[in-house]
Amino acid sequence: MENKNIPWGKDETWFFNLFAIAALALVALPVGIACVILGFGFGDSPCIMCWQERFCMVAISFMALMIVRYGFKVKYLAILLFLTCLGLYDGFTHYSLDGTYGGYLDIRQGFGLIILGAHTQFWVVVVHFFVFLFLGLILLLGKNVGSIMQKSESGAYGKVLPSFLLGKIATIVFVVIMAFNLVQAFVTAGPPPYLASATPSRMDIHPSKWFWELDHWKETEIDYRADWNPELPDLPR
């Protein structure tokens, strides 16, 4: 795939196709399965933490598409690392509350569907771990990565995406999956200023079954120590 105006070769083709595959796999598999199959198929509704974790996956996939579109730049790599760390933090926090074999709230009464013996919260951690793993493989398997980054920063590649069939396919799949997510978010969480529920009802297309709430807007106190910093009881003097 040669271009007379830019220094293009097999290294660039291989490198940017790997990022296109990563974006496609992330948005089509965990995000697509959670929304289309578990949501529309089995009626599973994401809680407010599930939506945040899914947003991290969507944002990571979007940043991978930005790399395929505009080149491999330092700011895109930094955002990818930040979002992946945030996704891992959210996943571990959620799993510590509701997860199988460790979540103190989980007594097999729900809190997400079970996949291969573990609730969906556990797979959030697995997905973000594999994001780190796949990113490392891309950098390891890519050739002349430093040169590709330097040319990307200088704008030598221009807009890369039009040259890649995989990039176009990944973008189309991204748009379609996001459309399904928008519908699910409207049904299960509602339009702004409504927020998703901590204990959502089952997803149902019939409007009479929709449950929208504003409860989480009232949670203004932030305590990073959580249960390790309980409020003192009101003891008599």
C-alpha atoms as a PDB file:
ATOM      1  CA  MET A   1       0.000   0.000   0.000  1.00  0.00           C
ATOM      2  CA  GLU A   2       2.165   2.842  -1.272  1.00  0.00           C
ATOM      3  CA  ASN A   3       1.528   6.552  -1.399  1.00  0.00           C
ATOM      4  CA  LYS A   4       3.707   8.960  -3.378  1.00  0.00           C
ATOM      5  CA  ASN A   5       3.201  11.783  -0.873  1.00  0.00           C
ATOM      6  CA  ILE A   6       4.100  10.002   2.367  1.00  0.00           C
ATOM      7  CA  PRO A   7       6.763   7.497   3.473  1.00  0.00           C
ATOM      8  CA  TRP A   8       4.521   4.445   3.512  1.00  0.00           C
ATOM      9  CA  GLY A   9       5.490   0.790   3.715  1.00  0.00           C
ATOM     10  CA  LYS A  10       4.808  -2.628   5.180  1.00  0.00           C
ATOM     11  CA  ASP A  11       5.756  -1.500   8.685  1.00  0.00           C
ATOM     12  CA  GLU A  12       3.019   1.133   8.708  1.00  0.00           C
ATOM     13  CA  THR A  13       0.464  -1.223   7.160  1.00  0.00           C
ATOM     14  CA  TRP A  14       1.159  -3.920   9.769  1.00  0.00           C
ATOM     15  CA  PHE A  15       1.245  -1.483  12.709  1.00  0.00           C
ATOM     16  CA  PHE A  16      -1.963   0.433  11.984  1.00  0.00           C
ATOM     17  CA  ASN A  17      -3.851  -2.728  11.011  1.00  0.00           C
ATOM     18  CA  LEU A  18      -3.040  -4.158  14.458  1.00  0.00           C
ATOM     19  CA  PHE A  19      -4.619  -1.105  16.108  1.00  0.00           C
ATOM     20  CA  ALA A  20      -7.657  -1.434  13.833  1.00  0.00           C
ATOM     21  CA  ILE A  21      -8.027  -5.087  14.886  1.00  0.00           C
ATOM     22  CA  ALA A  22      -7.709  -4.072  18.553  1.00  0.00           C
ATOM     23  CA  ALA A  23     -10.429  -1.420  18.223  1.00  0.00           C
ATOM     24  CA  LEU A  24     -12.693  -3.813  16.341  1.00  0.00           C
ATOM     25  CA  ALA A  25     -12.213  -6.651  18.830  1.00  0.00           C
ATOM     26  CA  LEU A  26     -12.829  -4.467  21.883  1.00  0.00           C
ATOM     27  CA  VAL A  27     -15.996  -2.799  20.672  1.00  0.00           C
ATOM     28  CA  ALA A  28     -17.456  -5.887  18.968  1.00  0.00           C
ATOM     29  CA  LEU A  29     -16.748  -8.496  21.658  1.00  0.00           C
ATOM     30  CA  PRO A  30     -17.054  -7.229  25.264  1.00  0.00           C
ATOM     31  CA  VAL A  31     -19.045  -4.070  24.495  1.00  0.00           C
ATOM     32  CA  GLY A  32     -21.121  -5.610  21.709  1.00  0.00           C
ATOM     33  CA  ILE A  33     -21.857  -8.824  23.627  1.00  0.00           C
ATOM     34  CA  ALA A  34     -22.768  -6.899  26.804  1.00  0.00           C
ATOM     35  CA  CYS A  35     -25.166  -4.625  24.939  1.00  0.00           C
ATOM     36  CA  VAL A  36     -26.679  -6.684  22.115  1.00  0.00           C
ATOM     37  CA  ILE A  37     -26.625 -10.233  23.512  1.00  0.00           C
ATOM     38  CA  LEU A  38     -26.821  -9.763  27.289  1.00  0.00           C
ATOM     39  CA  GLY A  39     -28.899  -6.571  27.129  1.00  0.00           C
ATOM     40  CA  PHE A  40     -31.305  -6.936  24.226  1.00  0.00           C
ATOM     41  CA  GLY A  41     -31.130 -10.729  24.247  1.00  0.00           C
ATOM     42  CA  PHE A  42     -31.288 -11.605  27.958  1.00  0.00           C
ATOM     43  CA  GLY A  43     -32.620  -8.372  29.447  1.00  0.00           C
ATOM     44  CA  ASP A  44     -29.510  -7.612  31.505  1.00  0.00           C
ATOM     45  CA  SER A  45     -29.397  -3.962  32.588  1.00  0.00           C
ATOM     46  CA  PRO A  46     -26.071  -2.295  33.433  1.00  0.00           C
ATOM     47  CA  CYS A  47     -25.818  -0.627  36.820  1.00  0.00           C
ATOM     48  CA  ILE A  48     -24.202   2.777  37.209  1.00  0.00           C
ATOM     49  CA  MET A  49     -20.757   1.190  37.726  1.00  0.00           C
ATOM     50  CA  CYS A  50     -21.251  -1.113  34.726  1.00  0.00           C
ATOM     51  CA  TRP A  51     -21.921   1.903  32.540  1.00  0.00           C
ATOM     52  CA  GLN A  52     -18.713   3.574  33.727  1.00  0.00           C
ATOM     53  CA  GLU A  53     -16.715   0.412  33.013  1.00  0.00           C
ATOM     54  CA  ARG A  54     -18.299   0.079  29.584  1.00  0.00           C
ATOM     55  CA  PHE A  55     -17.530   3.729  28.876  1.00  0.00           C
ATOM     56  CA  CYS A  56     -13.845   3.010  29.519  1.00  0.00           C
ATOM     57  CA  MET A  57     -13.911   0.197  26.955  1.00  0.00           C
ATOM     58  CA  VAL A  58     -15.695   2.412  24.426  1.00  0.00           C
ATOM     59  CA  ALA A  59     -13.216   5.248  25.023  1.00  0.00           C
ATOM     60  CA  ILE A  60     -10.238   2.895  24.607  1.00  0.00           C
ATOM     61  CA  SER A  61     -11.666   1.590  21.333  1.00  0.00           C
ATOM     62  CA  PHE A  62     -12.274   5.162  20.178  1.00  0.00           C
ATOM     63  CA  MET A  63      -8.680   6.154  20.960  1.00  0.00           C
ATOM     64  CA  ALA A  64      -7.419   3.138  18.989  1.00  0.00           C
ATOM     65  CA  LEU A  65      -9.468   4.404  16.039  1.00  0.00           C
ATOM     66  CA  MET A  66      -7.951   7.867  16.531  1.00  0.00           C
ATOM     67  CA  ILE A  67      -4.509   6.288  16.188  1.00  0.00           C
ATOM     68  CA  VAL A  68      -5.585   4.546  12.986  1.00  0.00           C
ATOM     69  CA  ARG A  69      -7.050   7.826  11.756  1.00  0.00           C
ATOM     70  CA  TYR A  70      -4.345  10.344  12.710  1.00  0.00           C
ATOM     71  CA  GLY A  71      -1.264   8.286  13.532  1.00  0.00           C
ATOM     72  CA  PHE A  72       0.496   6.951  16.612  1.00  0.00           C
ATOM     73  CA  LYS A  73       1.014  10.000  18.826  1.00  0.00           C
ATOM     74  CA  VAL A  74       2.221  10.313  22.414  1.00  0.00           C
ATOM     75  CA  LYS A  75      -1.013  11.915  23.630  1.00  0.00           C
ATOM     76  CA  TYR A  76      -3.095   9.032  22.248  1.00  0.00           C
ATOM     77  CA  LEU A  77      -0.838   6.473  23.928  1.00  0.00           C
ATOM     78  CA  ALA A  78      -1.035   8.378  27.232  1.00  0.00           C
ATOM     79  CA  ILE A  79      -4.835   8.496  27.077  1.00  0.00           C
ATOM     80  CA  LEU A  80      -4.951   4.756  26.288  1.00  0.00           C
ATOM     81  CA  LEU A  81      -2.840   3.965  29.353  1.00  0.00           C
ATOM     82  CA  PHE A  82      -4.893   6.262  31.592  1.00  0.00           C
ATOM     83  CA  LEU A  83      -8.226   4.807  30.440  1.00  0.00           C
ATOM     84  CA  THR A  84      -6.990   1.232  30.870  1.00  0.00           C
ATOM     85  CA  CYS A  85      -5.805   1.962  34.412  1.00  0.00           C
ATOM     86  CA  LEU A  86      -9.151   3.617  35.162  1.00  0.00           C
ATOM     87  CA  GLY A  87     -10.983   0.585  33.781  1.00  0.00           C
ATOM     88  CA  LEU A  88      -8.934  -1.766  35.952  1.00  0.00           C
ATOM     89  CA  TYR A  89      -9.598   0.382  39.018  1.00  0.00           C
ATOM     90  CA  ASP A  90     -13.340   0.448  38.311  1.00  0.00           C
ATOM     91  CA  GLY A  91     -13.383  -3.285  37.656  1.00  0.00           C
ATOM     92  CA  PHE A  92     -11.555  -4.208  40.873  1.00  0.00           C
ATOM     93  CA  THR A  93     -13.754  -1.826  42.872  1.00  0.00           C
ATOM     94  CA  HIS A  94     -16.945  -3.265  41.392  1.00  0.00           C
ATOM     95  CA  TYR A  95     -15.745  -6.837  41.784  1.00  0.00           C
ATOM     96  CA  SER A  96     -14.832  -6.251  45.427  1.00  0.00           C
ATOM     97  CA  LEU A  97     -18.465  -5.295  46.051  1.00  0.00           C
ATOM     98  CA  ASP A  98     -20.431  -7.687  43.862  1.00  0.00           C
ATOM     99  CA  GLY A  99     -17.997 -10.241  42.431  1.00  0.00           C
ATOM    100  CA  THR A 100     -18.025 -14.009  42.641  1.00  0.00           C
ATOM    101  CA  TYR A 101     -15.673 -15.495  45.280  1.00  0.00           C
ATOM    102  CA  GLY A 102     -14.827 -12.211  46.918  1.00  0.00           C
ATOM    103  CA  GLY A 103     -17.712  -9.767  46.689  1.00  0.00           C
ATOM    104  CA  TYR A 104     -19.458  -9.452  50.009  1.00  0.00           C
ATOM    105  CA  LEU A 105     -22.772  -8.470  48.394  1.00  0.00           C
ATOM    106  CA  ASP A 106     -22.951 -11.445  46.046  1.00  0.00           C
ATOM    107  CA  ILE A 107     -24.928 -14.395  47.431  1.00  0.00           C
ATOM    108  CA  ARG A 108     -26.012 -15.649  43.995  1.00  0.00           C
ATOM    109  CA  GLN A 109     -28.980 -13.308  43.873  1.00  0.00           C
ATOM    110  CA  GLY A 110     -27.927 -11.371  40.787  1.00  0.00           C
ATOM    111  CA  PHE A 111     -25.587  -8.434  40.250  1.00  0.00           C
ATOM    112  CA  GLY A 112     -24.865  -9.347  36.634  1.00  0.00           C
ATOM    113  CA  LEU A 113     -25.179 -12.460  34.542  1.00  0.00           C
ATOM    114  CA  ILE A 114     -22.748 -15.346  35.056  1.00  0.00           C
ATOM    115  CA  ILE A 115     -20.313 -16.172  32.242  1.00  0.00           C
ATOM    116  CA  LEU A 116     -18.053 -19.230  32.699  1.00  0.00           C
ATOM    117  CA  GLY A 117     -18.744 -19.226  36.425  1.00  0.00           C
ATOM    118  CA  ALA A 118     -18.021 -15.534  37.067  1.00  0.00           C
ATOM    119  CA  HIS A 119     -20.230 -12.472  37.006  1.00  0.00           C
ATOM    120  CA  THR A 120     -19.715  -9.811  34.337  1.00  0.00           C
ATOM    121  CA  GLN A 121     -17.870  -7.552  36.822  1.00  0.00           C
ATOM    122  CA  PHE A 122     -14.988 -10.030  36.888  1.00  0.00           C
ATOM    123  CA  TRP A 123     -14.670  -9.959  33.101  1.00  0.00           C
ATOM    124  CA  VAL A 124     -14.243  -6.185  33.206  1.00  0.00           C
ATOM    125  CA  VAL A 125     -10.900  -6.759  34.937  1.00  0.00           C
ATOM    126  CA  VAL A 126      -9.975  -9.459  32.405  1.00  0.00           C
ATOM    127  CA  VAL A 127     -10.813  -7.247  29.419  1.00  0.00           C
ATOM    128  CA  HIS A 128      -8.719  -4.306  30.626  1.00  0.00           C
ATOM    129  CA  PHE A 129      -5.839  -6.632  31.475  1.00  0.00           C
ATOM    130  CA  PHE A 130      -5.917  -7.896  27.885  1.00  0.00           C
ATOM    131  CA  VAL A 131      -5.926  -4.293  26.646  1.00  0.00           C
ATOM    132  CA  PHE A 132      -2.549  -3.867  28.355  1.00  0.00           C
ATOM    133  CA  LEU A 133      -1.409  -7.219  26.983  1.00  0.00           C
ATOM    134  CA  PHE A 134      -2.468  -6.495  23.405  1.00  0.00           C
ATOM    135  CA  LEU A 135      -0.974  -3.003  23.519  1.00  0.00           C
ATOM    136  CA  GLY A 136       2.309  -4.542  24.600  1.00  0.00           C
ATOM    137  CA  LEU A 137       2.129  -7.070  21.770  1.00  0.00           C
ATOM    138  CA  ILE A 138       1.481  -4.326  19.215  1.00  0.00           C
ATOM    139  CA  LEU A 139       4.533  -2.402  20.390  1.00  0.00           C
ATOM    140  CA  LEU A 140       6.597  -5.603  20.533  1.00  0.00           C
ATOM    141  CA  LEU A 141       5.569  -6.947  17.119  1.00  0.00           C
ATOM    142  CA  GLY A 142       5.618  -3.579  15.376  1.00  0.00           C
ATOM    143  CA  LYS A 143       8.728  -2.600  13.444  1.00  0.00           C
ATOM    144  CA  ASN A 144      10.274   0.866  13.524  1.00  0.00           C
ATOM    145  CA  VAL A 145       7.675   2.003  16.093  1.00  0.00           C
ATOM    146  CA  GLY A 146       9.792   4.991  17.096  1.00  0.00           C
ATOM    147  CA  SER A 147      10.001   6.147  13.491  1.00  0.00           C
ATOM    148  CA  ILE A 148       6.239   5.663  13.037  1.00  0.00           C
ATOM    149  CA  MET A 149       5.552   7.782  16.129  1.00  0.00           C
ATOM    150  CA  GLN A 150       7.948  10.495  14.959  1.00  0.00           C
ATOM    151  CA  LYS A 151       6.316  10.653  11.516  1.00  0.00           C
ATOM    152  CA  SER A 152       2.858  10.645  13.120  1.00  0.00           C
ATOM    153  CA  GLU A 153       3.773  13.566  15.385  1.00  0.00           C
ATOM    154  CA  SER A 154       5.003  15.542  12.376  1.00  0.00           C
ATOM    155  CA  GLY A 155       1.818  14.793  10.435  1.00  0.00           C
ATOM    156  CA  ALA A 156       3.670  12.919   7.694  1.00  0.00           C
ATOM    157  CA  TYR A 157       0.955  10.288   7.341  1.00  0.00           C
ATOM    158  CA  GLY A 158      -1.936  12.730   7.145  1.00  0.00           C
ATOM    159  CA  LYS A 159      -5.253  11.001   7.741  1.00  0.00           C
ATOM    160  CA  VAL A 160      -4.358   7.314   7.813  1.00  0.00           C
ATOM    161  CA  LEU A 161      -7.801   5.699   8.029  1.00  0.00           C
ATOM    162  CA  PRO A 162      -8.918   6.137   4.393  1.00  0.00           C
ATOM    163  CA  SER A 163      -6.103   3.809   3.349  1.00  0.00           C
ATOM    164  CA  PHE A 164      -7.228   0.937   5.592  1.00  0.00           C
ATOM    165  CA  LEU A 165     -10.139  -1.411   4.963  1.00  0.00           C
ATOM    166  CA  LEU A 166      -9.888  -2.745   8.519  1.00  0.00           C
ATOM    167  CA  GLY A 167     -10.062   0.802   9.856  1.00  0.00           C
ATOM    168  CA  LYS A 168     -13.246   1.458   7.919  1.00  0.00           C
ATOM    169  CA  ILE A 169     -14.812  -1.801   9.098  1.00  0.00           C
ATOM    170  CA  ALA A 170     -13.865  -1.051  12.709  1.00  0.00           C
ATOM    171  CA  THR A 171     -15.388   2.430  12.449  1.00  0.00           C
ATOM    172  CA  ILE A 172     -18.660   1.111  11.015  1.00  0.00           C
ATOM    173  CA  VAL A 173     -18.916  -1.563  13.731  1.00  0.00           C
ATOM    174  CA  PHE A 174     -18.138   1.085  16.360  1.00  0.00           C
ATOM    175  CA  VAL A 175     -20.975   3.324  15.139  1.00  0.00           C
ATOM    176  CA  VAL A 176     -23.466   0.434  15.026  1.00  0.00           C
ATOM    177  CA  ILE A 177     -22.594  -0.812  18.535  1.00  0.00           C
ATOM    178  CA  MET A 178     -22.789   2.743  19.882  1.00  0.00           C
ATOM    179  CA  ALA A 179     -26.275   3.100  18.393  1.00  0.00           C
ATOM    180  CA  PHE A 180     -27.407  -0.008  20.292  1.00  0.00           C
ATOM    181  CA  ASN A 181     -25.784   1.347  23.458  1.00  0.00           C
ATOM    182  CA  LEU A 182     -27.596   4.653  23.104  1.00  0.00           C
ATOM    183  CA  VAL A 183     -30.928   2.842  22.904  1.00  0.00           C
ATOM    184  CA  GLN A 184     -30.072   0.669  25.908  1.00  0.00           C
ATOM    185  CA  ALA A 185     -28.873   3.685  27.907  1.00  0.00           C
ATOM    186  CA  PHE A 186     -32.120   5.551  27.162  1.00  0.00           C
ATOM    187  CA  VAL A 187     -34.261   2.570  28.170  1.00  0.00           C
ATOM    188  CA  THR A 188     -32.369   1.547  31.313  1.00  0.00           C
ATOM    189  CA  ALA A 189     -30.961   4.858  32.571  1.00  0.00           C
ATOM    190  CA  GLY A 190     -33.017   7.582  30.898  1.00  0.00           C
ATOM    191  CA  PRO A 191     -32.032  10.924  29.366  1.00  0.00           C
ATOM    192  CA  PRO A 192     -30.118  13.568  31.345  1.00  0.00           C
ATOM    193  CA  PRO A 193     -30.371  14.482  34.175  1.00  0.00           C
ATOM    194  CA  TYR A 194     -31.348  10.900  35.069  1.00  0.00           C
ATOM    195  CA  LEU A 195     -28.553   8.528  36.074  1.00  0.00           C
ATOM    196  CA  ALA A 196     -28.275   4.772  35.947  1.00  0.00           C
ATOM    197  CA  SER A 197     -29.427   2.794  38.974  1.00  0.00           C
ATOM    198  CA  ALA A 198     -27.210   0.877  41.404  1.00  0.00           C
ATOM    199  CA  THR A 199     -29.825  -1.907  41.356  1.00  0.00           C
ATOM    200  CA  PRO A 200     -31.373  -1.690  37.867  1.00  0.00           C
ATOM    201  CA  SER A 201     -34.511  -3.494  36.839  1.00  0.00           C
ATOM    202  CA  ARG A 202     -34.490  -5.952  33.962  1.00  0.00           C
ATOM    203  CA  MET A 203     -34.294  -4.365  30.524  1.00  0.00           C
ATOM    204  CA  ASP A 204     -37.651  -4.210  28.788  1.00  0.00           C
ATOM    205  CA  ILE A 205     -38.612  -2.329  25.621  1.00  0.00           C
ATOM    206  CA  HIS A 206     -42.106  -1.580  27.006  1.00  0.00           C
ATOM    207  CA  PRO A 207     -42.104   1.975  28.502  1.00  0.00           C
ATOM    208  CA  SER A 208     -44.192   0.865  31.494  1.00  0.00           C
ATOM    209  CA  LYS A 209     -41.195  -1.175  32.710  1.00  0.00           C
ATOM    210  CA  TRP A 210     -38.671   1.657  32.467  1.00  0.00           C
ATOM    211  CA  PHE A 211     -37.186   2.863  35.761  1.00  0.00           C
ATOM    212  CA  TRP A 212     -35.317   6.161  35.814  1.00  0.00           C
ATOM    213  CA  GLU A 213     -33.903   7.720  38.973  1.00  0.00           C
ATOM    214  CA  LEU A 214     -32.002  10.734  40.243  1.00  0.00           C
ATOM    215  CA  ASP A 215     -30.750   9.211  43.508  1.00  0.00           C
ATOM    216  CA  HIS A 216     -27.040   9.369  42.736  1.00  0.00           C
ATOM    217  CA  TRP A 217     -27.088  13.152  42.337  1.00  0.00           C
ATOM    218  CA  LYS A 218     -27.587  13.323  46.121  1.00  0.00           C
ATOM    219  CA  GLU A 219     -24.291  11.519  46.805  1.00  0.00           C
ATOM    220  CA  THR A 220     -22.103  14.580  47.281  1.00  0.00           C
ATOM    221  CA  GLU A 221     -19.713  13.287  49.938  1.00  0.00           C
ATOM    222  CA  ILE A 222     -16.475  11.775  48.602  1.00  0.00           C
ATOM    223  CA  ASP A 223     -14.473   9.503  50.879  1.00  0.00           C
ATOM    224  CA  TYR A 224     -11.545   7.734  49.232  1.00  0.00           C
ATOM    225  CA  ARG A 225     -11.068   5.505  52.278  1.00  0.00           C
ATOM    226  CA  ALA A 226     -14.616   4.145  51.931  1.00  0.00           C
ATOM    227  CA  ASP A 227     -15.413   1.518  54.590  1.00  0.00           C
ATOM    228  CA  TRP A 228     -12.023   1.996  56.244  1.00  0.00           C
ATOM    229  CA  ASN A 229     -13.183   5.404  57.474  1.00  0.00           C
ATOM    230  CA  PRO A 230     -16.644   4.870  58.998  1.00  0.00           C
ATOM    231  CA  GLU A 231     -18.576   7.655  60.656  1.00  0.00           C
ATOM    232  CA  LEU A 232     -18.363   7.694  64.445  1.00  0.00           C
ATOM    233  CA  PRO A 233     -21.550   6.682  66.256  1.00  0.00           C
ATOM    234  CA  ASP A 234     -23.594   9.255  68.131  1.00  0.00           C
ATOM    235  CA  LEU A 235     -22.709   8.139  71.656  1.00  0.00           C
ATOM    236  CA  PRO A 236     -24.288   9.672  74.763  1.00  0.00           C
ATOM    237  CA  ARG A 237     -21.995  11.811  76.864  1.00  0.00           C
END
